[in-house]
Amino acid sequence: MEQAKISEIFLSYQGEGPFLGSKQLFIRFYGCNMNCGYCDTRLESYKSFTKESLLGKVLDFEEDYNELVLTGGEPMIYSDFLRGFLLIYKSCRKNPVYLETNGTFPKELEKLMDLVDIIAMDFKLPSSTGHMLGAWEETGKFAKLAQKKDLFIKTVITDTTTMEDIKKMGDIITGLEGKNTVVLQPVTPVSEFIKEPDEEMIQFFKKYLEGATGKDIMILGQVHRLLGIK
């Protein structure tokens, strides 16, 4: 792939997960293989970039930052483009590369394992997203590969999230090596049809996962939304 569709490139602070507050440069890719009911990133426009023109745009940001974030949409639909771009980016900058992904592209991740440093895997639970069939096989394969990097897992919890999905996620997480922090993220309502889980529900999920997996389980919402930043 010679070009990729980019919606925006911007400096901001990470508002989710264990890297909360880290100053980062975000590249937001256009397009996604999923259409989650709670999605709060509805992308309406983009510009097409070659890997060289994207590098030039990124290097225009002279202000320092900690990590380069590949986000979306879903950046993994551009895996071939990303490999070419990251090869030249890493020849110019030493910032860790932070990949935000829905974790459904294990074969594409194989192409990028030597070029990404941190993987933020957004575990899409069918009962939360509205995609009732789910992608359990792909997600399991992706997580086993991603554990070789600095991996943390995030999943959005809504009032429709089921215990069955939490158990399936727990089964996958249990098989991973290392501590692998897991973040339960109460949904940010984007419409009257999307509702937050109650406190009792999310605490129950947290206690179950801690006992079943032995992992560190955090409850953390979208702090950047509260602060009014991207």
C-alpha atoms as a PDB file:
ATOM      1  CA  MET A   1       0.000   0.000   0.000  1.00  0.00           C
ATOM      2  CA  GLU A   2       1.637   3.228  -1.170  1.00  0.00           C
ATOM      3  CA  GLN A   3      -0.722   5.667   0.555  1.00  0.00           C
ATOM      4  CA  ALA A   4      -2.807   5.810   3.717  1.00  0.00           C
ATOM      5  CA  LYS A   5      -5.821   7.886   4.681  1.00  0.00           C
ATOM      6  CA  ILE A   6      -5.074  10.088   7.687  1.00  0.00           C
ATOM      7  CA  SER A   7      -7.794  12.032   9.495  1.00  0.00           C
ATOM      8  CA  GLU A   8      -5.562  14.129  11.727  1.00  0.00           C
ATOM      9  CA  ILE A   9      -2.132  14.482  13.312  1.00  0.00           C
ATOM     10  CA  PHE A  10      -1.934  16.269  16.644  1.00  0.00           C
ATOM     11  CA  LEU A  11      -0.089  16.634  19.937  1.00  0.00           C
ATOM     12  CA  SER A  12      -2.011  15.831  23.098  1.00  0.00           C
ATOM     13  CA  TYR A  13      -1.898  13.887  26.352  1.00  0.00           C
ATOM     14  CA  GLN A  14      -2.908  10.260  26.657  1.00  0.00           C
ATOM     15  CA  GLY A  15      -6.292  10.040  28.353  1.00  0.00           C
ATOM     16  CA  GLU A  16      -6.669   6.268  28.728  1.00  0.00           C
ATOM     17  CA  GLY A  17      -4.873   3.399  30.431  1.00  0.00           C
ATOM     18  CA  PRO A  18      -1.547   3.159  32.265  1.00  0.00           C
ATOM     19  CA  PHE A  19       0.123   5.800  30.045  1.00  0.00           C
ATOM     20  CA  LEU A  20      -2.389   8.381  31.278  1.00  0.00           C
ATOM     21  CA  GLY A  21      -0.947  11.886  31.072  1.00  0.00           C
ATOM     22  CA  SER A  22       1.950  11.052  28.749  1.00  0.00           C
ATOM     23  CA  LYS A  23       2.527  13.710  26.093  1.00  0.00           C
ATOM     24  CA  GLN A  24       2.181  12.011  22.726  1.00  0.00           C
ATOM     25  CA  LEU A  25       2.016  12.707  19.007  1.00  0.00           C
ATOM     26  CA  PHE A  26      -1.095  11.066  17.555  1.00  0.00           C
ATOM     27  CA  ILE A  27      -1.583   9.916  13.965  1.00  0.00           C
ATOM     28  CA  ARG A  28      -5.260   9.092  13.487  1.00  0.00           C
ATOM     29  CA  PHE A  29      -5.904   6.727  10.575  1.00  0.00           C
ATOM     30  CA  TYR A  30      -9.185   6.799   8.689  1.00  0.00           C
ATOM     31  CA  GLY A  31     -11.368   3.705   8.396  1.00  0.00           C
ATOM     32  CA  CYS A  32     -12.133   0.703  10.573  1.00  0.00           C
ATOM     33  CA  ASN A  33     -13.192  -2.904  10.168  1.00  0.00           C
ATOM     34  CA  MET A  34     -15.749  -2.517  12.969  1.00  0.00           C
ATOM     35  CA  ASN A  35     -18.675  -0.219  13.718  1.00  0.00           C
ATOM     36  CA  CYS A  36     -19.094  -0.232  17.489  1.00  0.00           C
ATOM     37  CA  GLY A  37     -22.266   1.291  18.828  1.00  0.00           C
ATOM     38  CA  TYR A  38     -20.379   3.298  21.468  1.00  0.00           C
ATOM     39  CA  CYS A  39     -17.692   4.636  19.094  1.00  0.00           C
ATOM     40  CA  ASP A  40     -16.853   8.247  19.930  1.00  0.00           C
ATOM     41  CA  THR A  41     -14.502   8.767  16.984  1.00  0.00           C
ATOM     42  CA  ARG A  42     -16.713   9.244  13.937  1.00  0.00           C
ATOM     43  CA  LEU A  43     -14.301  10.233  11.174  1.00  0.00           C
ATOM     44  CA  GLU A  44     -15.734  12.222   8.267  1.00  0.00           C
ATOM     45  CA  SER A  45     -12.694  13.415   6.335  1.00  0.00           C
ATOM     46  CA  TYR A  46      -9.109  12.500   5.570  1.00  0.00           C
ATOM     47  CA  LYS A  47      -6.040  13.350   3.512  1.00  0.00           C
ATOM     48  CA  SER A  48      -3.979  10.764   1.664  1.00  0.00           C
ATOM     49  CA  PHE A  49      -0.282  10.532   2.562  1.00  0.00           C
ATOM     50  CA  THR A  50       2.669   8.630   1.205  1.00  0.00           C
ATOM     51  CA  LYS A  51       5.046   7.353   3.867  1.00  0.00           C
ATOM     52  CA  GLU A  52       7.501  10.135   2.931  1.00  0.00           C
ATOM     53  CA  SER A  53       4.909  12.911   3.108  1.00  0.00           C
ATOM     54  CA  LEU A  54       3.620  11.574   6.440  1.00  0.00           C
ATOM     55  CA  LEU A  55       7.152  11.536   7.834  1.00  0.00           C
ATOM     56  CA  GLY A  56       7.616  15.136   6.707  1.00  0.00           C
ATOM     57  CA  LYS A  57       4.415  16.160   8.479  1.00  0.00           C
ATOM     58  CA  VAL A  58       5.424  14.337  11.652  1.00  0.00           C
ATOM     59  CA  LEU A  59       8.885  15.916  11.659  1.00  0.00           C
ATOM     60  CA  ASP A  60       7.257  19.353  11.405  1.00  0.00           C
ATOM     61  CA  PHE A  61       6.300  18.929  15.062  1.00  0.00           C
ATOM     62  CA  GLU A  62       9.348  20.378  16.769  1.00  0.00           C
ATOM     63  CA  GLU A  63       7.815  20.245  20.245  1.00  0.00           C
ATOM     64  CA  ASP A  64       9.013  17.222  22.173  1.00  0.00           C
ATOM     65  CA  TYR A  65       6.748  14.275  23.014  1.00  0.00           C
ATOM     66  CA  ASN A  66       7.145  10.848  24.578  1.00  0.00           C
ATOM     67  CA  GLU A  67       5.491   8.317  22.248  1.00  0.00           C
ATOM     68  CA  LEU A  68       4.293   8.287  18.652  1.00  0.00           C
ATOM     69  CA  VAL A  69       0.719   6.943  18.717  1.00  0.00           C
ATOM     70  CA  LEU A  70      -0.842   5.101  15.787  1.00  0.00           C
ATOM     71  CA  THR A  71      -4.601   5.249  16.337  1.00  0.00           C
ATOM     72  CA  GLY A  72      -7.843   5.412  14.403  1.00  0.00           C
ATOM     73  CA  GLY A  73     -10.180   4.235  13.192  1.00  0.00           C
ATOM     74  CA  GLU A  74      -8.059   1.130  12.970  1.00  0.00           C
ATOM     75  CA  PRO A  75      -4.422   1.629  11.938  1.00  0.00           C
ATOM     76  CA  MET A  76      -3.836  -2.073  11.277  1.00  0.00           C
ATOM     77  CA  ILE A  77      -5.791  -1.937   8.015  1.00  0.00           C
ATOM     78  CA  TYR A  78      -2.713  -0.064   6.744  1.00  0.00           C
ATOM     79  CA  SER A  79      -0.146  -2.583   7.978  1.00  0.00           C
ATOM     80  CA  ASP A  80       1.972  -2.603   4.802  1.00  0.00           C
ATOM     81  CA  PHE A  81       2.030   1.196   4.712  1.00  0.00           C
ATOM     82  CA  LEU A  82       2.888   1.299   8.419  1.00  0.00           C
ATOM     83  CA  ARG A  83       5.875  -0.972   7.988  1.00  0.00           C
ATOM     84  CA  GLY A  84       7.363   1.299   5.356  1.00  0.00           C
ATOM     85  CA  PHE A  85       6.592   4.446   7.339  1.00  0.00           C
ATOM     86  CA  LEU A  86       7.949   3.139  10.645  1.00  0.00           C
ATOM     87  CA  LEU A  87      11.196   2.023   9.052  1.00  0.00           C
ATOM     88  CA  ILE A  88      11.963   5.567   7.976  1.00  0.00           C
ATOM     89  CA  TYR A  89      10.503   7.143  11.144  1.00  0.00           C
ATOM     90  CA  LYS A  90      12.779   5.063  13.363  1.00  0.00           C
ATOM     91  CA  SER A  91      15.769   6.147  11.317  1.00  0.00           C
ATOM     92  CA  CYS A  92      14.987   9.748  12.328  1.00  0.00           C
ATOM     93  CA  ARG A  93      13.422   9.555  15.792  1.00  0.00           C
ATOM     94  CA  LYS A  94      13.901   7.299  18.800  1.00  0.00           C
ATOM     95  CA  ASN A  95      10.468   7.788  20.367  1.00  0.00           C
ATOM     96  CA  PRO A  96       8.673   4.553  21.268  1.00  0.00           C
ATOM     97  CA  VAL A  97       5.861   3.617  18.880  1.00  0.00           C
ATOM     98  CA  TYR A  98       2.517   3.122  20.635  1.00  0.00           C
ATOM     99  CA  LEU A  99      -0.082   1.133  18.666  1.00  0.00           C
ATOM    100  CA  GLU A 100      -3.783   1.497  19.532  1.00  0.00           C
ATOM    101  CA  THR A 101      -5.741  -1.329  17.910  1.00  0.00           C
ATOM    102  CA  ASN A 102      -8.849  -3.449  18.254  1.00  0.00           C
ATOM    103  CA  GLY A 103      -6.675  -6.559  18.180  1.00  0.00           C
ATOM    104  CA  THR A 104      -8.352  -8.402  15.294  1.00  0.00           C
ATOM    105  CA  PHE A 105      -5.408  -8.455  12.857  1.00  0.00           C
ATOM    106  CA  PRO A 106      -2.853 -11.024  14.101  1.00  0.00           C
ATOM    107  CA  LYS A 107      -1.302 -11.662  10.671  1.00  0.00           C
ATOM    108  CA  GLU A 108      -0.840  -7.927  10.114  1.00  0.00           C
ATOM    109  CA  LEU A 109       0.735  -7.511  13.565  1.00  0.00           C
ATOM    110  CA  GLU A 110       3.414 -10.041  12.597  1.00  0.00           C
ATOM    111  CA  LYS A 111       4.636  -7.561   9.975  1.00  0.00           C
ATOM    112  CA  LEU A 112       5.116  -4.835  12.590  1.00  0.00           C
ATOM    113  CA  MET A 113       6.441  -6.647  15.655  1.00  0.00           C
ATOM    114  CA  ASP A 114       9.980  -5.374  15.191  1.00  0.00           C
ATOM    115  CA  LEU A 115       8.777  -1.774  14.796  1.00  0.00           C
ATOM    116  CA  VAL A 116       6.211  -1.217  17.573  1.00  0.00           C
ATOM    117  CA  ASP A 117       7.074  -0.912  21.249  1.00  0.00           C
ATOM    118  CA  ILE A 118       3.783  -0.533  23.122  1.00  0.00           C
ATOM    119  CA  ILE A 119       0.489  -2.173  22.202  1.00  0.00           C
ATOM    120  CA  ALA A 120      -2.792  -0.850  23.590  1.00  0.00           C
ATOM    121  CA  MET A 121      -5.241  -3.600  22.685  1.00  0.00           C
ATOM    122  CA  ASP A 122      -8.892  -2.558  22.804  1.00  0.00           C
ATOM    123  CA  PHE A 123     -10.673  -5.846  23.479  1.00  0.00           C
ATOM    124  CA  LYS A 124     -14.047  -5.622  21.704  1.00  0.00           C
ATOM    125  CA  LEU A 125     -16.668  -7.532  23.690  1.00  0.00           C
ATOM    126  CA  PRO A 126     -19.615  -8.497  21.464  1.00  0.00           C
ATOM    127  CA  SER A 127     -22.203  -7.609  24.087  1.00  0.00           C
ATOM    128  CA  SER A 128     -20.668  -4.128  24.428  1.00  0.00           C
ATOM    129  CA  THR A 129     -20.052  -3.347  20.769  1.00  0.00           C
ATOM    130  CA  GLY A 130     -23.193  -4.785  19.213  1.00  0.00           C
ATOM    131  CA  HIS A 131     -21.110  -7.152  17.027  1.00  0.00           C
ATOM    132  CA  MET A 132     -22.692 -10.238  18.506  1.00  0.00           C
ATOM    133  CA  LEU A 133     -20.557 -12.792  16.653  1.00  0.00           C
ATOM    134  CA  GLY A 134     -17.328 -11.385  18.031  1.00  0.00           C
ATOM    135  CA  ALA A 135     -13.793 -12.139  16.861  1.00  0.00           C
ATOM    136  CA  TRP A 136     -12.575 -14.412  19.653  1.00  0.00           C
ATOM    137  CA  GLU A 137     -10.170 -16.517  17.578  1.00  0.00           C
ATOM    138  CA  GLU A 138      -8.441 -13.512  15.989  1.00  0.00           C
ATOM    139  CA  THR A 139      -8.325 -11.693  19.325  1.00  0.00           C
ATOM    140  CA  GLY A 140      -6.737 -14.660  21.074  1.00  0.00           C
ATOM    141  CA  LYS A 141      -4.057 -15.034  18.400  1.00  0.00           C
ATOM    142  CA  PHE A 142      -3.373 -11.296  18.451  1.00  0.00           C
ATOM    143  CA  ALA A 143      -2.992 -11.178  22.241  1.00  0.00           C
ATOM    144  CA  LYS A 144      -0.531 -14.101  22.296  1.00  0.00           C
ATOM    145  CA  LEU A 145       1.643 -12.336  19.740  1.00  0.00           C
ATOM    146  CA  ALA A 146       1.273  -8.877  21.315  1.00  0.00           C
ATOM    147  CA  GLN A 147       2.401 -10.138  24.761  1.00  0.00           C
ATOM    148  CA  LYS A 148       5.950 -10.114  23.424  1.00  0.00           C
ATOM    149  CA  LYS A 149       5.765  -6.309  23.575  1.00  0.00           C
ATOM    150  CA  ASP A 150       4.741  -3.854  26.309  1.00  0.00           C
ATOM    151  CA  LEU A 151       1.059  -4.857  26.170  1.00  0.00           C
ATOM    152  CA  PHE A 152      -1.948  -3.607  28.062  1.00  0.00           C
ATOM    153  CA  ILE A 153      -5.546  -4.525  27.386  1.00  0.00           C
ATOM    154  CA  LYS A 154      -8.519  -2.190  27.559  1.00  0.00           C
ATOM    155  CA  THR A 155     -12.178  -3.072  27.203  1.00  0.00           C
ATOM    156  CA  VAL A 156     -15.193  -0.786  27.196  1.00  0.00           C
ATOM    157  CA  ILE A 157     -17.960  -1.771  29.609  1.00  0.00           C
ATOM    158  CA  THR A 158     -21.565  -0.746  28.948  1.00  0.00           C
ATOM    159  CA  ASP A 159     -24.829  -1.620  30.672  1.00  0.00           C
ATOM    160  CA  THR A 160     -25.244  -4.446  28.113  1.00  0.00           C
ATOM    161  CA  THR A 161     -21.886  -6.160  28.786  1.00  0.00           C
ATOM    162  CA  THR A 162     -22.429  -9.792  29.752  1.00  0.00           C
ATOM    163  CA  MET A 163     -20.653 -12.021  32.210  1.00  0.00           C
ATOM    164  CA  GLU A 164     -20.261 -14.590  29.433  1.00  0.00           C
ATOM    165  CA  ASP A 165     -18.081 -12.153  27.464  1.00  0.00           C
ATOM    166  CA  ILE A 166     -16.081 -11.218  30.559  1.00  0.00           C
ATOM    167  CA  LYS A 167     -15.356 -14.910  31.167  1.00  0.00           C
ATOM    168  CA  LYS A 168     -14.254 -15.442  27.553  1.00  0.00           C
ATOM    169  CA  MET A 169     -11.954 -12.432  27.785  1.00  0.00           C
ATOM    170  CA  GLY A 170     -10.617 -13.757  31.085  1.00  0.00           C
ATOM    171  CA  ASP A 171      -9.794 -17.114  29.491  1.00  0.00           C
ATOM    172  CA  ILE A 172      -7.667 -15.371  26.854  1.00  0.00           C
ATOM    173  CA  ILE A 173      -5.948 -13.067  29.349  1.00  0.00           C
ATOM    174  CA  THR A 174      -5.127 -15.932  31.736  1.00  0.00           C
ATOM    175  CA  GLY A 175      -2.966 -17.559  29.076  1.00  0.00           C
ATOM    176  CA  LEU A 176      -0.770 -14.483  28.628  1.00  0.00           C
ATOM    177  CA  GLU A 177       2.682 -14.198  30.156  1.00  0.00           C
ATOM    178  CA  GLY A 178       3.570 -11.263  32.383  1.00  0.00           C
ATOM    179  CA  LYS A 179       1.361  -8.904  34.364  1.00  0.00           C
ATOM    180  CA  ASN A 180      -0.370  -7.264  31.373  1.00  0.00           C
ATOM    181  CA  THR A 181      -2.460  -4.538  33.008  1.00  0.00           C
ATOM    182  CA  VAL A 182      -6.143  -4.741  32.084  1.00  0.00           C
ATOM    183  CA  VAL A 183      -8.292  -1.600  32.049  1.00  0.00           C
ATOM    184  CA  LEU A 184     -12.068  -1.750  32.406  1.00  0.00           C
ATOM    185  CA  GLN A 185     -13.330   1.466  30.852  1.00  0.00           C
ATOM    186  CA  PRO A 186     -16.888   2.566  31.644  1.00  0.00           C
ATOM    187  CA  VAL A 187     -18.381   3.689  28.353  1.00  0.00           C
ATOM    188  CA  THR A 188     -18.560   7.369  27.477  1.00  0.00           C
ATOM    189  CA  PRO A 189     -22.204   7.813  26.398  1.00  0.00           C
ATOM    190  CA  VAL A 190     -22.352   9.101  22.824  1.00  0.00           C
ATOM    191  CA  SER A 191     -26.140   8.948  22.521  1.00  0.00           C
ATOM    192  CA  GLU A 192     -29.231   8.291  24.595  1.00  0.00           C
ATOM    193  CA  PHE A 193     -28.998   4.629  23.563  1.00  0.00           C
ATOM    194  CA  ILE A 194     -25.543   4.126  25.096  1.00  0.00           C
ATOM    195  CA  LYS A 195     -25.587   3.842  28.869  1.00  0.00           C
ATOM    196  CA  GLU A 196     -22.887   3.491  31.502  1.00  0.00           C
ATOM    197  CA  PRO A 197     -22.724   0.385  33.693  1.00  0.00           C
ATOM    198  CA  ASP A 198     -23.565   0.847  37.343  1.00  0.00           C
ATOM    199  CA  GLU A 199     -20.784   0.751  39.939  1.00  0.00           C
ATOM    200  CA  GLU A 200     -21.815  -2.645  41.314  1.00  0.00           C
ATOM    201  CA  MET A 201     -21.620  -4.230  37.858  1.00  0.00           C
ATOM    202  CA  ILE A 202     -18.154  -3.001  36.992  1.00  0.00           C
ATOM    203  CA  GLN A 203     -16.754  -3.812  40.461  1.00  0.00           C
ATOM    204  CA  PHE A 204     -18.113  -7.360  40.064  1.00  0.00           C
ATOM    205  CA  PHE A 205     -16.323  -7.718  36.725  1.00  0.00           C
ATOM    206  CA  LYS A 206     -13.118  -6.361  38.271  1.00  0.00           C
ATOM    207  CA  LYS A 207     -13.171  -8.818  41.197  1.00  0.00           C
ATOM    208  CA  TYR A 208     -13.936 -11.737  38.919  1.00  0.00           C
ATOM    209  CA  LEU A 209     -11.097 -10.947  36.511  1.00  0.00           C
ATOM    210  CA  GLU A 210      -8.588 -10.374  39.306  1.00  0.00           C
ATOM    211  CA  GLY A 211      -9.397 -13.757  40.785  1.00  0.00           C
ATOM    212  CA  ALA A 212      -9.573 -15.625  37.493  1.00  0.00           C
ATOM    213  CA  THR A 213      -6.504 -14.171  35.793  1.00  0.00           C
ATOM    214  CA  GLY A 214      -4.143 -12.898  38.477  1.00  0.00           C
ATOM    215  CA  LYS A 215      -3.655  -9.727  36.429  1.00  0.00           C
ATOM    216  CA  ASP A 216      -3.752  -6.110  37.562  1.00  0.00           C
ATOM    217  CA  ILE A 217      -7.263  -4.806  36.811  1.00  0.00           C
ATOM    218  CA  MET A 218      -7.869  -1.038  36.683  1.00  0.00           C
ATOM    219  CA  ILE A 219     -11.139   0.866  36.364  1.00  0.00           C
ATOM    220  CA  LEU A 220     -10.428   4.042  34.429  1.00  0.00           C
ATOM    221  CA  GLY A 221     -12.625   6.173  32.211  1.00  0.00           C
ATOM    222  CA  GLN A 222     -11.695   8.524  29.377  1.00  0.00           C
ATOM    223  CA  VAL A 223      -9.917  11.265  31.322  1.00  0.00           C
ATOM    224  CA  HIS A 224      -9.247  13.339  28.200  1.00  0.00           C
ATOM    225  CA  ARG A 225     -13.015  13.667  27.697  1.00  0.00           C
ATOM    226  CA  LEU A 226     -13.380  15.048  31.202  1.00  0.00           C
ATOM    227  CA  LEU A 227     -10.586  17.554  30.545  1.00  0.00           C
ATOM    228  CA  GLY A 228     -11.985  18.569  27.154  1.00  0.00           C
ATOM    229  CA  ILE A 229      -8.883  17.624  25.159  1.00  0.00           C
ATOM    230  CA  LYS A 230      -8.375  15.223  22.254  1.00  0.00           C
END
